[in-house]
């Protein structure tokens, strides 16, 4: 598998994913403390359900961009890996543009929710009375960064595609060579197993 040099966008996306992981870890600690407090002292001190809900949403939004740069979003590549490289490059860029459209919609409605919460001065119904604009704003920032990264990758893909640099498109946003090799090995293994079964008969 070809190792790609990490740029500014990739590095920041990775650090945001670390922040998201730290938020999930903190949420797990709060939930554990609340469970212990409820079982030992019959008290719930941290409103962990509410806080962990905000934390999970924010962590997921922060992780989207890293999943994009690391090429770990789920893709159905069973057919694509068998196509010629130029056609695969076109499909990779098309998929990135579709992802950009989804990211833009998510970011738009994220900010819509934030603006609505600001106008209504909405607060949570729990004892914490958290201003909902705070977690929603952080969530919207994560979704906006995801849309920005998808936009950068889309422009890069279109630029490379227009110049016929299909291998660079593949390296930037296509299926990893290591994954393709693993699929090929699995296919060869299945063919060998079928041949052995046929010989036994």
C-alpha atoms as a PDB file:
ATOM      1  CA  UNK A   1       0.000   0.000   0.000  1.00  0.00           C
ATOM      2  CA  UNK A   2       1.386   3.398  -1.006  1.00  0.00           C
ATOM      3  CA  UNK A   3       1.882   5.683   1.977  1.00  0.00           C
ATOM      4  CA  UNK A   4       0.476   9.147   1.381  1.00  0.00           C
ATOM      5  CA  UNK A   5       2.028  12.297   2.787  1.00  0.00           C
ATOM      6  CA  UNK A   6      -0.225  13.949   5.334  1.00  0.00           C
ATOM      7  CA  UNK A   7      -1.162  17.528   4.534  1.00  0.00           C
ATOM      8  CA  UNK A   8      -2.689  20.317   6.617  1.00  0.00           C
ATOM      9  CA  UNK A   9      -6.270  19.198   5.977  1.00  0.00           C
ATOM     10  CA  UNK A  10      -5.481  15.571   6.830  1.00  0.00           C
ATOM     11  CA  UNK A  11      -3.519  16.515   9.943  1.00  0.00           C
ATOM     12  CA  UNK A  12      -6.237  18.782  11.322  1.00  0.00           C
ATOM     13  CA  UNK A  13      -8.911  16.189  10.545  1.00  0.00           C
ATOM     14  CA  UNK A  14      -6.907  13.564  12.437  1.00  0.00           C
ATOM     15  CA  UNK A  15      -6.551  15.857  15.458  1.00  0.00           C
ATOM     16  CA  UNK A  16     -10.273  16.618  15.440  1.00  0.00           C
ATOM     17  CA  UNK A  17     -10.956  12.881  15.440  1.00  0.00           C
ATOM     18  CA  UNK A  18      -8.702  12.571  18.499  1.00  0.00           C
ATOM     19  CA  UNK A  19     -10.756  15.288  20.158  1.00  0.00           C
ATOM     20  CA  UNK A  20     -13.907  13.375  19.296  1.00  0.00           C
ATOM     21  CA  UNK A  21     -12.404  10.230  20.808  1.00  0.00           C
ATOM     22  CA  UNK A  22     -11.530  12.148  23.977  1.00  0.00           C
ATOM     23  CA  UNK A  23     -15.138  13.393  24.188  1.00  0.00           C
ATOM     24  CA  UNK A  24     -16.458   9.831  23.909  1.00  0.00           C
ATOM     25  CA  UNK A  25     -14.003   8.685  26.575  1.00  0.00           C
ATOM     26  CA  UNK A  26     -15.121  11.501  28.889  1.00  0.00           C
ATOM     27  CA  UNK A  27     -18.747  10.550  28.233  1.00  0.00           C
ATOM     28  CA  UNK A  28     -17.994   6.953  29.180  1.00  0.00           C
ATOM     29  CA  UNK A  29     -16.420   8.140  32.443  1.00  0.00           C
ATOM     30  CA  UNK A  30     -19.475  10.284  33.280  1.00  0.00           C
ATOM     31  CA  UNK A  31     -21.873   7.441  32.492  1.00  0.00           C
ATOM     32  CA  UNK A  32     -19.839   5.079  34.696  1.00  0.00           C
ATOM     33  CA  UNK A  33     -19.832   7.571  37.573  1.00  0.00           C
ATOM     34  CA  UNK A  34     -23.573   8.083  37.255  1.00  0.00           C
ATOM     35  CA  UNK A  35     -24.198   4.322  37.251  1.00  0.00           C
ATOM     36  CA  UNK A  36     -22.057   3.907  40.359  1.00  0.00           C
ATOM     37  CA  UNK A  37     -23.700   6.871  42.077  1.00  0.00           C
ATOM     38  CA  UNK A  38     -27.182   5.624  41.289  1.00  0.00           C
ATOM     39  CA  UNK A  39     -26.437   2.116  42.543  1.00  0.00           C
ATOM     40  CA  UNK A  40     -24.405   3.052  45.630  1.00  0.00           C
ATOM     41  CA  UNK A  41     -25.939   6.337  46.758  1.00  0.00           C
ATOM     42  CA  UNK A  42     -29.189   6.557  44.778  1.00  0.00           C
ATOM     43  CA  UNK A  43     -28.105   9.852  43.175  1.00  0.00           C
ATOM     44  CA  UNK A  44     -27.367  10.964  39.624  1.00  0.00           C
ATOM     45  CA  UNK A  45     -24.822  13.747  39.767  1.00  0.00           C
ATOM     46  CA  UNK A  46     -23.693  14.364  36.186  1.00  0.00           C
ATOM     47  CA  UNK A  47     -26.754  14.078  33.895  1.00  0.00           C
ATOM     48  CA  UNK A  48     -24.538  11.775  31.863  1.00  0.00           C
ATOM     49  CA  UNK A  49     -27.287  10.753  29.423  1.00  0.00           C
ATOM     50  CA  UNK A  50     -27.761  14.302  28.217  1.00  0.00           C
ATOM     51  CA  UNK A  51     -24.069  15.183  28.124  1.00  0.00           C
ATOM     52  CA  UNK A  52     -23.067  11.951  26.404  1.00  0.00           C
ATOM     53  CA  UNK A  53     -25.752  12.535  23.754  1.00  0.00           C
ATOM     54  CA  UNK A  54     -24.244  15.926  22.910  1.00  0.00           C
ATOM     55  CA  UNK A  55     -20.744  14.482  23.093  1.00  0.00           C
ATOM     56  CA  UNK A  56     -21.497  11.588  20.767  1.00  0.00           C
ATOM     57  CA  UNK A  57     -23.071  13.859  18.136  1.00  0.00           C
ATOM     58  CA  UNK A  58     -20.072  16.211  18.255  1.00  0.00           C
ATOM     59  CA  UNK A  59     -17.558  13.340  18.168  1.00  0.00           C
ATOM     60  CA  UNK A  60     -19.228  11.805  15.115  1.00  0.00           C
ATOM     61  CA  UNK A  61     -19.252  15.159  13.298  1.00  0.00           C
ATOM     62  CA  UNK A  62     -15.536  15.601  14.040  1.00  0.00           C
ATOM     63  CA  UNK A  63     -14.791  12.063  12.858  1.00  0.00           C
ATOM     64  CA  UNK A  64     -16.472  12.422   9.451  1.00  0.00           C
ATOM     65  CA  UNK A  65     -13.613  14.423   7.937  1.00  0.00           C
ATOM     66  CA  UNK A  66     -10.940  12.051   9.228  1.00  0.00           C
ATOM     67  CA  UNK A  67     -12.841   9.062   7.859  1.00  0.00           C
ATOM     68  CA  UNK A  68     -12.851  10.853   4.507  1.00  0.00           C
ATOM     69  CA  UNK A  69      -9.117  11.582   4.508  1.00  0.00           C
ATOM     70  CA  UNK A  70      -8.316   8.059   5.733  1.00  0.00           C
ATOM     71  CA  UNK A  71     -10.681   6.544   3.126  1.00  0.00           C
ATOM     72  CA  UNK A  72     -12.627   4.568   5.725  1.00  0.00           C
ATOM     73  CA  UNK A  73     -16.159   5.563   4.723  1.00  0.00           C
ATOM     74  CA  UNK A  74     -18.076   2.466   3.620  1.00  0.00           C
ATOM     75  CA  UNK A  75     -17.937   1.892  -0.137  1.00  0.00           C
ATOM     76  CA  UNK A  76     -19.191  -0.934  -2.335  1.00  0.00           C
ATOM     77  CA  UNK A  77     -16.144  -1.604  -4.524  1.00  0.00           C
ATOM     78  CA  UNK A  78     -16.739  -5.179  -5.674  1.00  0.00           C
ATOM     79  CA  UNK A  79     -17.432  -4.062  -9.259  1.00  0.00           C
ATOM     80  CA  UNK A  80     -15.386  -0.849  -9.280  1.00  0.00           C
ATOM     81  CA  UNK A  81     -12.028  -2.563  -8.646  1.00  0.00           C
ATOM     82  CA  UNK A  82     -12.461  -4.591 -11.853  1.00  0.00           C
ATOM     83  CA  UNK A  83     -12.964  -1.532 -14.074  1.00  0.00           C
ATOM     84  CA  UNK A  84     -10.248   0.224 -16.113  1.00  0.00           C
ATOM     85  CA  UNK A  85      -8.322   2.879 -14.207  1.00  0.00           C
ATOM     86  CA  UNK A  86      -9.763   5.913 -16.115  1.00  0.00           C
ATOM     87  CA  UNK A  87     -13.333   4.789 -15.472  1.00  0.00           C
ATOM     88  CA  UNK A  88     -12.534   4.077 -11.813  1.00  0.00           C
ATOM     89  CA  UNK A  89     -11.119   7.595 -11.509  1.00  0.00           C
ATOM     90  CA  UNK A  90     -14.314   9.091 -12.940  1.00  0.00           C
ATOM     91  CA  UNK A  91     -16.433   7.076 -10.505  1.00  0.00           C
ATOM     92  CA  UNK A  92     -14.192   8.037  -7.568  1.00  0.00           C
ATOM     93  CA  UNK A  93     -14.609  11.735  -8.333  1.00  0.00           C
ATOM     94  CA  UNK A  94     -18.351  11.275  -8.861  1.00  0.00           C
ATOM     95  CA  UNK A  95     -18.617   9.564  -5.478  1.00  0.00           C
ATOM     96  CA  UNK A  96     -16.684  12.419  -3.867  1.00  0.00           C
ATOM     97  CA  UNK A  97     -19.004  14.992  -5.421  1.00  0.00           C
ATOM     98  CA  UNK A  98     -22.015  13.057  -4.113  1.00  0.00           C
ATOM     99  CA  UNK A  99     -20.436  12.971  -0.650  1.00  0.00           C
ATOM    100  CA  UNK A 100     -19.841  16.721  -0.882  1.00  0.00           C
ATOM    101  CA  UNK A 101     -23.543  17.256  -1.626  1.00  0.00           C
ATOM    102  CA  UNK A 102     -24.502  15.220   1.455  1.00  0.00           C
ATOM    103  CA  UNK A 103     -21.968  17.072   3.610  1.00  0.00           C
ATOM    104  CA  UNK A 104     -23.283  20.459   2.463  1.00  0.00           C
ATOM    105  CA  UNK A 105     -26.855  19.462   3.326  1.00  0.00           C
ATOM    106  CA  UNK A 106     -25.764  18.262   6.772  1.00  0.00           C
ATOM    107  CA  UNK A 107     -23.827  21.471   7.436  1.00  0.00           C
ATOM    108  CA  UNK A 108     -26.699  23.646   6.235  1.00  0.00           C
ATOM    109  CA  UNK A 109     -29.252  22.019   8.510  1.00  0.00           C
ATOM    110  CA  UNK A 110     -26.749  21.952  11.365  1.00  0.00           C
ATOM    111  CA  UNK A 111     -26.506  25.749  11.215  1.00  0.00           C
ATOM    112  CA  UNK A 112     -30.275  26.013  10.769  1.00  0.00           C
ATOM    113  CA  UNK A 113     -30.740  24.177  14.068  1.00  0.00           C
ATOM    114  CA  UNK A 114     -28.121  26.401  15.704  1.00  0.00           C
ATOM    115  CA  UNK A 115     -29.837  29.587  14.465  1.00  0.00           C
ATOM    116  CA  UNK A 116     -33.234  28.335  15.625  1.00  0.00           C
ATOM    117  CA  UNK A 117     -31.871  27.550  19.079  1.00  0.00           C
ATOM    118  CA  UNK A 118     -30.276  31.011  19.230  1.00  0.00           C
ATOM    119  CA  UNK A 119     -33.505  32.779  18.240  1.00  0.00           C
ATOM    120  CA  UNK A 120     -35.597  30.782  20.710  1.00  0.00           C
ATOM    121  CA  UNK A 121     -32.908  30.914  23.415  1.00  0.00           C
ATOM    122  CA  UNK A 122     -33.681  27.230  23.847  1.00  0.00           C
ATOM    123  CA  UNK A 123     -32.392  25.329  26.849  1.00  0.00           C
ATOM    124  CA  UNK A 124     -32.403  21.646  27.687  1.00  0.00           C
ATOM    125  CA  UNK A 125     -35.255  20.288  29.752  1.00  0.00           C
ATOM    126  CA  UNK A 126     -32.902  18.778  32.345  1.00  0.00           C
ATOM    127  CA  UNK A 127     -31.631  20.317  35.580  1.00  0.00           C
ATOM    128  CA  UNK A 128     -28.513  21.476  33.701  1.00  0.00           C
ATOM    129  CA  UNK A 129     -30.533  23.917  31.568  1.00  0.00           C
ATOM    130  CA  UNK A 130     -27.809  23.922  28.903  1.00  0.00           C
ATOM    131  CA  UNK A 131     -28.200  26.457  26.109  1.00  0.00           C
ATOM    132  CA  UNK A 132     -28.820  24.151  23.153  1.00  0.00           C
ATOM    133  CA  UNK A 133     -27.038  26.542  20.804  1.00  0.00           C
ATOM    134  CA  UNK A 134     -23.708  25.599  22.429  1.00  0.00           C
ATOM    135  CA  UNK A 135     -23.589  21.862  21.577  1.00  0.00           C
ATOM    136  CA  UNK A 136     -25.456  22.468  18.317  1.00  0.00           C
ATOM    137  CA  UNK A 137     -22.950  25.128  17.281  1.00  0.00           C
ATOM    138  CA  UNK A 138     -19.983  22.849  17.978  1.00  0.00           C
ATOM    139  CA  UNK A 139     -21.750  20.063  16.092  1.00  0.00           C
ATOM    140  CA  UNK A 140     -22.358  22.392  13.136  1.00  0.00           C
ATOM    141  CA  UNK A 141     -18.675  23.385  13.108  1.00  0.00           C
ATOM    142  CA  UNK A 142     -17.720  19.703  12.795  1.00  0.00           C
ATOM    143  CA  UNK A 143     -20.175  19.205   9.933  1.00  0.00           C
ATOM    144  CA  UNK A 144     -18.901  22.352   8.214  1.00  0.00           C
ATOM    145  CA  UNK A 145     -15.314  21.136   8.405  1.00  0.00           C
ATOM    146  CA  UNK A 146     -16.448  17.836   6.911  1.00  0.00           C
ATOM    147  CA  UNK A 147     -18.080  19.733   4.025  1.00  0.00           C
ATOM    148  CA  UNK A 148     -14.941  21.852   3.580  1.00  0.00           C
ATOM    149  CA  UNK A 149     -12.703  18.767   3.394  1.00  0.00           C
ATOM    150  CA  UNK A 150     -15.102  17.082   0.940  1.00  0.00           C
ATOM    151  CA  UNK A 151     -14.987  20.262  -1.157  1.00  0.00           C
ATOM    152  CA  UNK A 152     -11.185  20.321  -1.165  1.00  0.00           C
ATOM    153  CA  UNK A 153     -11.043  16.673  -2.193  1.00  0.00           C
ATOM    154  CA  UNK A 154     -13.676  17.198  -4.884  1.00  0.00           C
ATOM    155  CA  UNK A 155     -11.777  20.114  -6.419  1.00  0.00           C
ATOM    156  CA  UNK A 156      -8.531  18.163  -6.252  1.00  0.00           C
ATOM    157  CA  UNK A 157     -10.177  15.169  -7.904  1.00  0.00           C
ATOM    158  CA  UNK A 158     -11.691  17.262 -10.700  1.00  0.00           C
ATOM    159  CA  UNK A 159      -8.349  18.983 -11.314  1.00  0.00           C
ATOM    160  CA  UNK A 160      -6.466  15.684 -11.518  1.00  0.00           C
ATOM    161  CA  UNK A 161      -9.168  14.089 -13.654  1.00  0.00           C
ATOM    162  CA  UNK A 162      -9.109  16.962 -16.154  1.00  0.00           C
ATOM    163  CA  UNK A 163      -5.379  16.407 -16.599  1.00  0.00           C
ATOM    164  CA  UNK A 164      -5.669  12.664 -17.027  1.00  0.00           C
ATOM    165  CA  UNK A 165      -3.744  11.908 -13.836  1.00  0.00           C
ATOM    166  CA  UNK A 166      -5.842   8.877 -13.015  1.00  0.00           C
ATOM    167  CA  UNK A 167      -3.326   7.208 -10.704  1.00  0.00           C
ATOM    168  CA  UNK A 168      -3.225  10.306  -8.516  1.00  0.00           C
ATOM    169  CA  UNK A 169      -7.031  10.319  -8.361  1.00  0.00           C
ATOM    170  CA  UNK A 170      -6.842   6.690  -7.286  1.00  0.00           C
ATOM    171  CA  UNK A 171      -4.255   7.490  -4.613  1.00  0.00           C
ATOM    172  CA  UNK A 172      -6.236  10.463  -3.283  1.00  0.00           C
ATOM    173  CA  UNK A 173      -9.737   9.046  -3.128  1.00  0.00           C
ATOM    174  CA  UNK A 174      -9.898   5.565  -4.635  1.00  0.00           C
ATOM    175  CA  UNK A 175      -9.830   2.198  -2.947  1.00  0.00           C
ATOM    176  CA  UNK A 176      -6.476   1.435  -1.295  1.00  0.00           C
ATOM    177  CA  UNK A 177      -4.164  -0.941  -3.142  1.00  0.00           C
ATOM    178  CA  UNK A 178      -3.918  -3.052  -0.009  1.00  0.00           C
ATOM    179  CA  UNK A 179      -7.685  -3.499   0.091  1.00  0.00           C
ATOM    180  CA  UNK A 180      -7.723  -4.401  -3.593  1.00  0.00           C
ATOM    181  CA  UNK A 181      -4.972  -6.960  -3.011  1.00  0.00           C
ATOM    182  CA  UNK A 182      -6.923  -8.435  -0.104  1.00  0.00           C
ATOM    183  CA  UNK A 183     -10.014  -8.749  -2.319  1.00  0.00           C
ATOM    184  CA  UNK A 184      -7.951 -10.438  -5.018  1.00  0.00           C
ATOM    185  CA  UNK A 185      -6.467 -12.866  -2.491  1.00  0.00           C
ATOM    186  CA  UNK A 186      -9.928 -13.667  -1.109  1.00  0.00           C
ATOM    187  CA  UNK A 187     -11.217 -14.314  -4.606  1.00  0.00           C
ATOM    188  CA  UNK A 188      -8.248 -16.568  -5.382  1.00  0.00           C
ATOM    189  CA  UNK A 189      -8.779 -18.422  -2.113  1.00  0.00           C
ATOM    190  CA  UNK A 190     -12.439 -19.021  -2.911  1.00  0.00           C
ATOM    191  CA  UNK A 191     -11.526 -20.272  -6.382  1.00  0.00           C
ATOM    192  CA  UNK A 192      -8.920 -22.663  -4.902  1.00  0.00           C
ATOM    193  CA  UNK A 193     -11.442 -23.952  -2.352  1.00  0.00           C
ATOM    194  CA  UNK A 194     -14.017 -24.534  -5.081  1.00  0.00           C
ATOM    195  CA  UNK A 195     -11.432 -26.432  -7.161  1.00  0.00           C
ATOM    196  CA  UNK A 196     -10.500 -28.658  -4.213  1.00  0.00           C
ATOM    197  CA  UNK A 197     -14.148 -29.380  -3.541  1.00  0.00           C
ATOM    198  CA  UNK A 198     -14.665 -30.255  -7.191  1.00  0.00           C
ATOM    199  CA  UNK A 199     -11.666 -32.620  -7.172  1.00  0.00           C
ATOM    200  CA  UNK A 200     -13.004 -34.426  -4.095  1.00  0.00           C
ATOM    201  CA  UNK A 201     -16.183 -35.154  -5.922  1.00  0.00           C
END
